[in-house]
Amino acid sequence: MFKVVLVEDDPMVLEVNKQFVERVPGFEIIGTASNGTEGAERVRELQPHLVILDIYMPGQSGVELLQQIRTEQLDVDAMIITAANDIPTIQRMLHQGAVDYIMKPFKFERVKEALENYRMMKERLNKDVKMSQADLDQLLRVKHQMPTAGIPLATGVDMELPKGLQELTMKQVMLFLIQKKKPLSAEEVAEGVGLARVTARRYLEYLEKSKRVKLDLEYGGIGRPVNRYVWVAET
């Protein structure tokens, strides 16, 4: 049984999260908190396997809470359920080791999938045996295939990327395109995600070839037309 602490300042959302988690076999809510400060206290006191936390909370935010958890080296995994959909926050939480990131509003199926993937990962890691490269590769594929920040598997992030392209960066580019919902140049994507323009263009060209973005040529003024990319894959 995996023990879970919920950290959420909205009582209604907290109750929904609680009901969703308790519907998934193998998970038990052992404590709740309404802000980051209380959340850190609950984690220290109750020592859960998993803490599910919001970002926007009074006092200490979820970003600060996860940073504190990592600084204190508390032995707990973190999953994010939040309305925060900006790239810097998503990137920061992933860098801090969040096992999944779910955006509000969300459905039970998304939470269930995240928890089941988490359970599968932990059960494999907790086996008291040595792991082969094949076993590790399979485990990492399961972890990487978890939909991140609302991006479904159908987008193909779990596909093998060409040499030189990184999965996390690809997810960030895709998120940025999905959120903007309009044609963007490589320069705009580079600025929005924090990449060099030539790097952004490589990711965009890959997405265009895999038919996840559509290329629009913008003509205007003197000179070559500007390549603009717009997300077309179902989300």
Protein backbone atom coordinates (compact mmCIF):
# COMPACT_ATOMS: atom_id res chain seq x y z
CA MET A 1 0.00 0.00 0.00
CA PHE A 2 1.49 3.35 -1.07
CA LYS A 3 0.96 6.11 1.48
CA VAL A 4 0.03 9.53 0.06
CA VAL A 5 -0.05 13.08 1.44
CA LEU A 6 -2.17 15.66 -0.43
CA VAL A 7 -1.21 19.35 -0.39
CA GLU A 8 -3.96 21.60 -1.82
CA ASP A 9 -5.41 24.89 -0.55
CA ASP A 10 -8.82 24.60 -2.25
CA PRO A 11 -11.05 22.37 -0.06
CA MET A 12 -13.20 21.25 -3.00
CA VAL A 13 -10.20 20.29 -5.13
CA LEU A 14 -8.64 18.58 -2.14
CA GLU A 15 -11.75 16.44 -1.73
CA VAL A 16 -11.80 15.55 -5.44
CA ASN A 17 -8.11 14.61 -5.32
CA LYS A 18 -8.74 12.49 -2.24
CA GLN A 19 -11.64 10.62 -3.85
CA PHE A 20 -9.69 10.04 -7.06
CA VAL A 21 -6.61 8.67 -5.29
CA GLU A 22 -8.65 6.40 -3.04
CA ARG A 23 -10.38 4.90 -6.10
CA VAL A 24 -7.05 3.53 -7.32
CA PRO A 25 -6.16 0.22 -5.61
CA GLY A 26 -2.94 0.26 -3.64
CA PHE A 27 -2.99 3.93 -2.57
CA GLU A 28 -3.95 5.32 0.83
CA ILE A 29 -4.34 8.97 1.91
CA ILE A 30 -2.59 9.34 5.27
CA GLY A 31 -2.59 13.14 5.57
CA THR A 32 -3.51 16.45 3.96
CA ALA A 33 -2.25 20.04 4.10
CA SER A 34 -3.52 23.38 2.81
CA ASN A 35 -0.17 25.04 2.06
CA GLY A 36 3.49 24.27 1.52
CA THR A 37 4.55 24.84 5.12
CA GLU A 38 1.98 22.38 6.43
CA GLY A 39 2.86 20.03 3.60
CA ALA A 40 6.51 19.88 4.64
CA GLU A 41 5.45 19.16 8.24
CA ARG A 42 3.16 16.32 7.10
CA VAL A 43 5.90 14.77 4.97
CA ARG A 44 8.40 14.86 7.84
CA GLU A 45 5.87 13.52 10.32
CA LEU A 46 4.10 10.86 8.27
CA GLN A 47 6.90 9.81 5.87
CA PRO A 48 4.66 9.02 2.87
CA HIS A 49 5.80 7.35 -0.30
CA LEU A 50 4.21 10.07 -2.44
CA VAL A 51 3.18 13.69 -1.99
CA ILE A 52 0.67 15.15 -4.47
CA LEU A 53 0.88 18.92 -4.43
CA ASP A 54 -0.50 22.08 -5.98
CA ILE A 55 1.65 25.01 -7.15
CA TYR A 56 -0.42 28.07 -6.26
CA MET A 57 -0.90 28.12 -2.48
CA PRO A 58 -0.78 30.82 0.21
CA GLY A 59 2.49 31.18 2.07
CA GLN A 60 4.86 28.56 0.73
CA SER A 61 4.08 27.56 -2.85
CA GLY A 62 4.35 24.09 -4.31
CA VAL A 63 7.55 25.11 -6.09
CA GLU A 64 9.10 26.12 -2.78
CA LEU A 65 7.77 23.00 -1.06
CA LEU A 66 9.35 20.62 -3.56
CA GLN A 67 12.61 22.58 -3.38
CA GLN A 68 12.56 22.23 0.42
CA ILE A 69 11.83 18.51 0.18
CA ARG A 70 14.85 18.04 -2.08
CA THR A 71 17.08 20.29 0.06
CA GLU A 72 16.22 18.29 3.19
CA GLN A 73 16.64 15.07 1.19
CA LEU A 74 13.29 13.73 2.39
CA ASP A 75 12.64 10.26 0.99
CA VAL A 76 9.41 10.96 -0.87
CA ASP A 77 8.31 11.16 -4.50
CA ALA A 78 6.27 14.11 -5.77
CA MET A 79 3.41 14.39 -8.25
CA ILE A 80 1.98 17.74 -9.34
CA ILE A 81 -1.73 18.57 -9.83
CA THR A 82 -2.09 22.26 -10.62
CA ALA A 83 -3.46 25.01 -12.83
CA ALA A 84 0.08 26.27 -13.52
CA ASN A 85 0.77 25.77 -17.22
CA ASP A 86 3.76 28.05 -17.88
CA ILE A 87 6.95 26.51 -19.22
CA PRO A 88 9.34 27.79 -16.48
CA THR A 89 7.23 26.26 -13.70
CA ILE A 90 6.80 22.96 -15.53
CA GLN A 91 10.51 22.80 -16.29
CA ARG A 92 11.47 23.60 -12.70
CA MET A 93 9.21 20.93 -11.25
CA LEU A 94 10.49 18.31 -13.69
CA HIS A 95 14.07 19.25 -12.84
CA GLN A 96 13.19 18.77 -9.17
CA GLY A 97 12.18 15.21 -9.95
CA ALA A 98 8.37 15.31 -10.16
CA VAL A 99 7.21 11.90 -11.38
CA ASP A 100 4.22 13.41 -13.19
CA TYR A 101 2.56 16.76 -13.83
CA ILE A 102 -1.23 17.01 -14.26
CA MET A 103 -3.00 20.24 -15.20
CA LYS A 104 -6.39 21.35 -13.92
CA PRO A 105 -9.05 20.64 -14.98
CA PHE A 106 -8.35 16.92 -15.09
CA LYS A 107 -10.24 13.63 -15.24
CA PHE A 108 -10.05 10.57 -13.02
CA GLU A 109 -8.55 8.50 -15.87
CA ARG A 110 -5.52 10.81 -16.01
CA VAL A 111 -4.89 10.53 -12.26
CA LYS A 112 -5.41 6.77 -12.36
CA GLU A 113 -2.93 6.39 -15.20
CA ALA A 114 -0.33 8.48 -13.34
CA LEU A 115 -0.71 6.49 -10.14
CA GLU A 116 -0.63 3.13 -11.90
CA ASN A 117 2.54 4.11 -13.78
CA TYR A 118 4.05 5.25 -10.50
CA ARG A 119 3.15 1.98 -8.78
CA MET A 120 4.63 -0.05 -11.62
CA MET A 121 7.86 1.93 -11.49
CA LYS A 122 8.23 1.62 -7.70
CA GLU A 123 7.42 -2.09 -7.64
CA ARG A 124 10.15 -2.77 -10.17
CA LEU A 125 12.66 -0.63 -8.30
CA ASN A 126 11.82 -2.23 -4.95
CA LYS A 127 12.64 -5.76 -6.09
CA ASP A 128 15.68 -7.03 -4.21
CA VAL A 129 17.43 -8.24 -7.34
CA LYS A 130 20.01 -6.92 -9.72
CA MET A 131 18.56 -5.27 -12.81
CA SER A 132 19.67 -6.04 -16.33
CA GLN A 133 20.04 -3.36 -18.98
CA ALA A 134 16.91 -4.69 -20.68
CA ASP A 135 14.94 -4.42 -17.43
CA LEU A 136 16.19 -0.87 -16.87
CA ASP A 137 15.40 0.14 -20.45
CA GLN A 138 11.84 -1.15 -20.05
CA LEU A 139 11.44 0.69 -16.74
CA LEU A 140 12.71 3.96 -18.20
CA ARG A 141 10.39 3.63 -21.18
CA VAL A 142 7.41 3.28 -18.83
CA LYS A 143 8.54 6.35 -16.90
CA HIS A 144 9.16 8.40 -20.04
CA GLN A 145 5.85 7.40 -21.59
CA MET A 146 3.85 8.93 -18.74
CA PRO A 147 1.89 11.85 -20.20
CA THR A 148 3.61 14.96 -18.92
CA ALA A 149 1.81 18.21 -18.24
CA GLY A 150 -1.26 17.07 -20.14
CA ILE A 151 0.52 15.86 -23.29
CA PRO A 152 -0.99 12.49 -24.29
CA LEU A 153 0.93 9.53 -25.61
CA ALA A 154 -0.58 10.11 -29.04
CA THR A 155 1.77 13.03 -29.55
CA GLY A 156 4.60 10.57 -29.89
CA VAL A 157 7.00 11.92 -27.26
CA ASP A 158 7.70 8.32 -26.30
CA MET A 159 9.03 7.60 -29.80
CA GLU A 160 12.76 7.31 -30.30
CA LEU A 161 14.14 10.73 -31.13
CA PRO A 162 16.93 11.44 -33.62
CA LYS A 163 20.43 11.79 -32.27
CA GLY A 164 20.95 15.14 -30.58
CA LEU A 165 17.30 15.73 -29.66
CA GLN A 166 16.38 15.48 -25.97
CA GLU A 167 13.00 14.24 -24.70
CA LEU A 168 12.57 16.93 -22.03
CA THR A 169 13.34 19.70 -24.51
CA MET A 170 10.94 18.15 -27.04
CA LYS A 171 8.16 18.15 -24.43
CA GLN A 172 8.87 21.81 -23.63
CA VAL A 173 8.67 22.79 -27.31
CA MET A 174 5.43 20.83 -27.73
CA LEU A 175 3.89 22.39 -24.62
CA PHE A 176 4.75 25.86 -25.85
CA LEU A 177 3.16 25.22 -29.25
CA ILE A 178 0.03 23.68 -27.70
CA GLN A 179 -0.45 26.60 -25.32
CA LYS A 180 0.04 29.33 -27.94
CA LYS A 181 -2.35 27.76 -30.47
CA LYS A 182 -1.07 29.96 -33.30
CA PRO A 183 1.70 29.80 -35.93
CA LEU A 184 5.08 30.63 -34.41
CA SER A 185 8.50 31.20 -35.92
CA ALA A 186 11.57 29.31 -34.75
CA GLU A 187 12.79 32.53 -33.16
CA GLU A 188 9.56 32.91 -31.14
CA VAL A 189 9.73 29.29 -29.98
CA ALA A 190 13.40 29.66 -29.08
CA GLU A 191 12.67 32.74 -26.99
CA GLY A 192 9.64 31.17 -25.31
CA VAL A 193 11.35 27.93 -24.36
CA GLY A 194 14.84 29.29 -23.76
CA LEU A 195 16.74 27.73 -26.64
CA ALA A 196 19.08 28.86 -29.37
CA ARG A 197 17.18 29.56 -32.58
CA VAL A 198 19.05 26.88 -34.53
CA THR A 199 18.21 24.34 -31.80
CA ALA A 200 14.53 25.29 -31.79
CA ARG A 201 14.45 24.91 -35.57
CA ARG A 202 15.76 21.33 -35.32
CA TYR A 203 12.94 20.34 -32.96
CA LEU A 204 10.35 22.11 -35.09
CA GLU A 205 11.58 20.46 -38.27
CA TYR A 206 11.33 17.05 -36.59
CA LEU A 207 7.78 17.78 -35.43
CA GLU A 208 6.86 18.97 -38.93
CA LYS A 209 8.25 15.80 -40.53
CA SER A 210 6.35 13.66 -38.02
CA LYS A 211 3.18 15.63 -38.88
CA ARG A 212 2.64 17.00 -35.38
CA VAL A 213 3.00 20.57 -36.53
CA LYS A 214 2.07 22.24 -39.81
CA LEU A 215 4.39 24.59 -41.61
CA ASP A 216 2.93 27.94 -42.69
CA LEU A 217 4.88 30.35 -44.86
CA GLU A 218 4.32 34.01 -44.04
CA TYR A 219 4.94 36.36 -46.95
CA GLY A 220 5.34 40.06 -46.38
CA GLY A 221 7.78 42.81 -47.23
CA ILE A 222 11.06 42.21 -48.98
CA GLY A 223 13.07 39.04 -48.51
CA ARG A 224 12.45 35.38 -47.87
CA PRO A 225 9.15 34.23 -46.32
CA VAL A 226 9.14 33.36 -42.62
CA ASN A 227 8.56 29.72 -41.64
CA ARG A 228 5.89 29.48 -38.96
CA TYR A 229 4.85 26.32 -37.16
CA VAL A 230 1.44 25.52 -35.66
CA TRP A 231 0.42 22.52 -33.56
CA VAL A 232 -2.00 20.18 -35.34
CA ALA A 233 -1.83 16.90 -33.39
CA GLU A 234 -4.85 16.01 -31.28
CA THR A 235 -4.48 16.92 -27.61
